């Protein structure tokens, strides 16, 4: 899983093995260094890219805990 803000990678996590769905992932983000722009969360499952995207980004405050459930959509590749 990768989190990007304005196209820049700000966090990532990786796993292996078998999982039950839904998969819960917690990531730490540093508001002071993440920049601004569209927030995009991507997950690669066996070559299929799933994503969540929020145009305009998000505003986070250091020292706060945020919990959000997002539903990832499968990416469509146009050739």
N, C-alpha and C. Protein backbone atom coordinates (compact mmCIF):
# COMPACT_ATOMS: atom_id res chain seq x y z
N UNK A 1 0.84 -1.16 0.00
CA UNK A 1 0.00 0.00 0.00
C UNK A 1 0.89 1.22 0.00
N UNK A 2 0.52 2.19 -0.79
CA UNK A 2 1.26 3.44 -0.88
C UNK A 2 0.31 4.61 -0.72
N UNK A 3 0.75 5.63 0.02
CA UNK A 3 -0.02 6.87 0.15
C UNK A 3 0.78 7.96 -0.53
N UNK A 4 0.13 8.67 -1.45
CA UNK A 4 0.78 9.76 -2.18
C UNK A 4 -0.01 11.04 -1.96
N UNK A 5 0.70 12.15 -1.87
CA UNK A 5 0.07 13.47 -1.80
C UNK A 5 0.71 14.31 -2.89
N UNK A 6 -0.11 14.80 -3.80
CA UNK A 6 0.41 15.58 -4.92
C UNK A 6 1.41 14.80 -5.75
N UNK A 7 1.26 13.48 -5.83
CA UNK A 7 2.16 12.63 -6.61
C UNK A 7 3.41 12.19 -5.87
N UNK A 8 3.66 12.71 -4.67
CA UNK A 8 4.84 12.34 -3.88
C UNK A 8 4.47 11.26 -2.86
N UNK A 9 5.26 10.20 -2.79
CA UNK A 9 5.02 9.13 -1.83
C UNK A 9 5.31 9.62 -0.42
N UNK A 10 4.33 9.51 0.49
CA UNK A 10 4.51 9.97 1.86
C UNK A 10 4.46 8.84 2.88
N UNK A 11 3.99 7.66 2.47
CA UNK A 11 3.96 6.50 3.37
C UNK A 11 3.75 5.25 2.53
N UNK A 12 4.25 4.12 3.06
CA UNK A 12 3.98 2.85 2.40
C UNK A 12 4.07 1.72 3.42
N UNK A 13 3.40 0.63 3.10
CA UNK A 13 3.42 -0.57 3.93
C UNK A 13 3.33 -1.76 2.99
N UNK A 14 3.92 -2.87 3.40
CA UNK A 14 3.82 -4.08 2.59
C UNK A 14 3.55 -5.26 3.49
N UNK A 15 2.90 -6.26 2.92
CA UNK A 15 2.56 -7.47 3.65
C UNK A 15 2.72 -8.66 2.72
N UNK A 16 2.66 -9.84 3.28
CA UNK A 16 2.68 -11.05 2.47
C UNK A 16 1.82 -12.09 3.17
N UNK A 17 1.44 -13.10 2.43
CA UNK A 17 0.63 -14.17 3.00
C UNK A 17 -0.83 -14.04 2.65
N UNK A 18 -1.63 -14.87 3.30
CA UNK A 18 -3.07 -14.89 3.06
C UNK A 18 -3.77 -13.97 4.06
N UNK A 19 -4.80 -13.27 3.61
CA UNK A 19 -5.53 -12.35 4.46
C UNK A 19 -7.02 -12.55 4.30
N UNK A 20 -7.73 -12.23 5.35
CA UNK A 20 -9.18 -12.19 5.28
C UNK A 20 -9.59 -10.75 5.00
N UNK A 21 -10.66 -10.57 4.26
CA UNK A 21 -11.14 -9.23 3.94
C UNK A 21 -12.23 -8.84 4.91
N UNK A 22 -12.37 -7.61 5.31
CA UNK A 22 -11.55 -6.48 4.88
C UNK A 22 -10.19 -6.47 5.57
N UNK A 23 -9.22 -5.90 4.90
CA UNK A 23 -7.88 -5.75 5.45
C UNK A 23 -7.79 -4.38 6.11
N UNK A 24 -7.29 -4.34 7.33
CA UNK A 24 -7.15 -3.09 8.07
C UNK A 24 -5.67 -2.73 8.12
N UNK A 25 -5.35 -1.50 7.72
CA UNK A 25 -3.96 -1.03 7.70
C UNK A 25 -3.91 0.31 8.42
N UNK A 26 -2.93 0.46 9.31
CA UNK A 26 -2.69 1.73 9.99
C UNK A 26 -1.36 2.29 9.50
N UNK A 27 -1.34 3.54 9.09
CA UNK A 27 -0.13 4.20 8.62
C UNK A 27 0.06 5.52 9.35
N UNK A 28 1.30 5.87 9.59
CA UNK A 28 1.61 7.16 10.20
C UNK A 28 2.01 8.14 9.11
N UNK A 29 1.43 9.32 9.13
CA UNK A 29 1.76 10.37 8.18
C UNK A 29 2.29 11.57 8.94
N UNK A 30 3.25 12.26 8.39
CA UNK A 30 3.83 13.45 9.01
C UNK A 30 3.30 14.68 8.28
N UNK A 31 2.34 15.40 8.86
CA UNK A 31 1.77 16.57 8.19
C UNK A 31 2.81 17.61 7.80
N UNK A 32 3.89 17.73 8.57
CA UNK A 32 4.91 18.75 8.29
C UNK A 32 5.67 18.48 7.00
N UNK A 33 5.71 17.22 6.56
CA UNK A 33 6.50 16.90 5.37
C UNK A 33 5.68 16.33 4.21
N UNK A 34 4.38 16.17 4.38
CA UNK A 34 3.62 15.50 3.32
C UNK A 34 3.22 16.42 2.18
N UNK A 35 3.28 17.71 2.35
CA UNK A 35 2.95 18.62 1.26
C UNK A 35 1.45 18.73 1.05
N UNK A 36 1.08 19.23 -0.13
CA UNK A 36 -0.32 19.44 -0.44
C UNK A 36 -0.64 18.83 -1.79
N UNK A 37 -1.89 18.69 -2.06
CA UNK A 37 -2.34 18.16 -3.34
C UNK A 37 -3.27 16.99 -3.14
N UNK A 38 -3.60 16.34 -4.23
CA UNK A 38 -4.52 15.22 -4.21
C UNK A 38 -3.96 14.07 -3.38
N UNK A 39 -4.79 13.53 -2.49
CA UNK A 39 -4.42 12.37 -1.69
C UNK A 39 -4.80 11.12 -2.46
N UNK A 40 -3.87 10.19 -2.60
CA UNK A 40 -4.14 8.94 -3.31
C UNK A 40 -3.57 7.78 -2.51
N UNK A 41 -4.40 6.79 -2.25
CA UNK A 41 -4.00 5.56 -1.58
C UNK A 41 -4.08 4.45 -2.62
N UNK A 42 -2.98 3.72 -2.80
CA UNK A 42 -2.94 2.64 -3.79
C UNK A 42 -2.54 1.34 -3.12
N UNK A 43 -3.16 0.27 -3.55
CA UNK A 43 -2.81 -1.07 -3.09
C UNK A 43 -2.66 -1.97 -4.31
N UNK A 44 -1.59 -2.74 -4.34
CA UNK A 44 -1.31 -3.67 -5.44
C UNK A 44 -1.59 -5.09 -4.94
N UNK A 45 -2.56 -5.74 -5.55
CA UNK A 45 -2.87 -7.12 -5.21
C UNK A 45 -2.67 -7.98 -6.44
N UNK A 46 -1.54 -8.66 -6.47
CA UNK A 46 -1.20 -9.56 -7.58
C UNK A 46 -1.24 -8.84 -8.92
N UNK A 47 -0.76 -7.61 -8.96
CA UNK A 47 -0.70 -6.85 -10.20
C UNK A 47 -1.93 -6.00 -10.48
N UNK A 48 -3.02 -6.21 -9.74
CA UNK A 48 -4.20 -5.36 -9.88
C UNK A 48 -4.03 -4.18 -8.93
N UNK A 49 -4.21 -2.96 -9.43
CA UNK A 49 -4.05 -1.76 -8.62
C UNK A 49 -5.43 -1.28 -8.17
N UNK A 50 -5.60 -1.18 -6.86
CA UNK A 50 -6.81 -0.64 -6.26
C UNK A 50 -6.45 0.72 -5.68
N UNK A 51 -7.39 1.67 -5.70
CA UNK A 51 -7.04 3.00 -5.24
C UNK A 51 -8.23 3.72 -4.61
N UNK A 52 -7.90 4.73 -3.81
CA UNK A 52 -8.83 5.72 -3.29
C UNK A 52 -8.18 7.06 -3.57
N UNK A 53 -8.95 8.01 -4.06
CA UNK A 53 -8.38 9.31 -4.37
C UNK A 53 -9.30 10.42 -3.89
N UNK A 54 -8.71 11.44 -3.25
CA UNK A 54 -9.46 12.60 -2.81
C UNK A 54 -8.80 13.85 -3.38
N UNK A 55 -9.44 14.43 -4.38
CA UNK A 55 -8.91 15.64 -5.00
C UNK A 55 -8.90 16.77 -3.97
N UNK A 56 -7.88 17.59 -4.04
CA UNK A 56 -7.77 18.70 -3.11
C UNK A 56 -7.07 18.34 -1.82
N UNK A 57 -6.84 17.05 -1.60
CA UNK A 57 -6.08 16.62 -0.44
C UNK A 57 -6.83 16.65 0.87
N UNK A 58 -6.07 16.57 1.95
CA UNK A 58 -6.62 16.58 3.29
C UNK A 58 -5.78 17.51 4.16
N UNK A 59 -6.35 17.93 5.26
CA UNK A 59 -5.63 18.78 6.21
C UNK A 59 -5.48 18.00 7.51
N UNK A 60 -4.24 17.71 7.90
CA UNK A 60 -3.97 16.95 9.12
C UNK A 60 -3.22 17.82 10.11
N UNK A 61 -3.43 17.57 11.40
CA UNK A 61 -2.74 18.29 12.46
C UNK A 61 -1.82 17.32 13.19
N UNK A 62 -0.57 17.70 13.39
CA UNK A 62 0.40 16.86 14.09
C UNK A 62 -0.11 16.53 15.49
N UNK A 63 0.12 15.29 15.93
CA UNK A 63 -0.26 14.87 17.26
C UNK A 63 -1.69 14.38 17.38
N UNK A 64 -2.45 14.43 16.31
CA UNK A 64 -3.84 13.98 16.31
C UNK A 64 -3.92 12.59 15.68
N UNK A 65 -4.91 11.80 16.11
CA UNK A 65 -5.17 10.48 15.54
C UNK A 65 -6.41 10.59 14.67
N UNK A 66 -6.28 10.18 13.43
CA UNK A 66 -7.40 10.20 12.49
C UNK A 66 -7.68 8.77 12.07
N UNK A 67 -8.92 8.38 12.07
CA UNK A 67 -9.30 7.05 11.61
C UNK A 67 -10.36 7.19 10.54
N UNK A 68 -10.05 6.69 9.36
CA UNK A 68 -10.98 6.78 8.25
C UNK A 68 -11.03 5.46 7.51
N UNK A 69 -12.21 5.02 7.20
CA UNK A 69 -12.37 3.83 6.38
C UNK A 69 -12.55 4.30 4.94
N UNK A 70 -11.74 3.76 4.05
CA UNK A 70 -11.88 4.08 2.63
C UNK A 70 -12.09 2.80 1.86
N UNK A 71 -12.89 2.88 0.84
CA UNK A 71 -13.13 1.73 -0.03
C UNK A 71 -12.32 1.94 -1.30
N UNK A 72 -11.46 1.00 -1.60
CA UNK A 72 -10.60 1.10 -2.78
C UNK A 72 -11.35 0.62 -4.01
N UNK A 73 -11.13 1.30 -5.12
CA UNK A 73 -11.70 0.91 -6.40
C UNK A 73 -10.61 0.30 -7.25
N UNK A 74 -10.98 -0.60 -8.13
CA UNK A 74 -9.98 -1.18 -9.02
C UNK A 74 -9.67 -0.18 -10.13
N UNK A 75 -8.40 -0.04 -10.41
CA UNK A 75 -7.97 0.85 -11.49
C UNK A 75 -8.26 0.25 -12.84
N UNK A 76 -8.57 1.06 -13.80
CA UNK A 76 -8.85 0.61 -15.16
C UNK A 76 -7.73 1.11 -16.05
N UNK A 77 -7.10 0.20 -16.76
CA UNK A 77 -6.02 0.58 -17.67
C UNK A 77 -6.59 0.65 -19.09
N UNK A 78 -6.41 1.75 -19.74
CA UNK A 78 -6.87 1.92 -21.13
C UNK A 78 -5.66 1.85 -22.04
N UNK A 79 -5.70 0.92 -22.95
CA UNK A 79 -4.57 0.75 -23.89
C UNK A 79 -4.88 1.37 -25.23
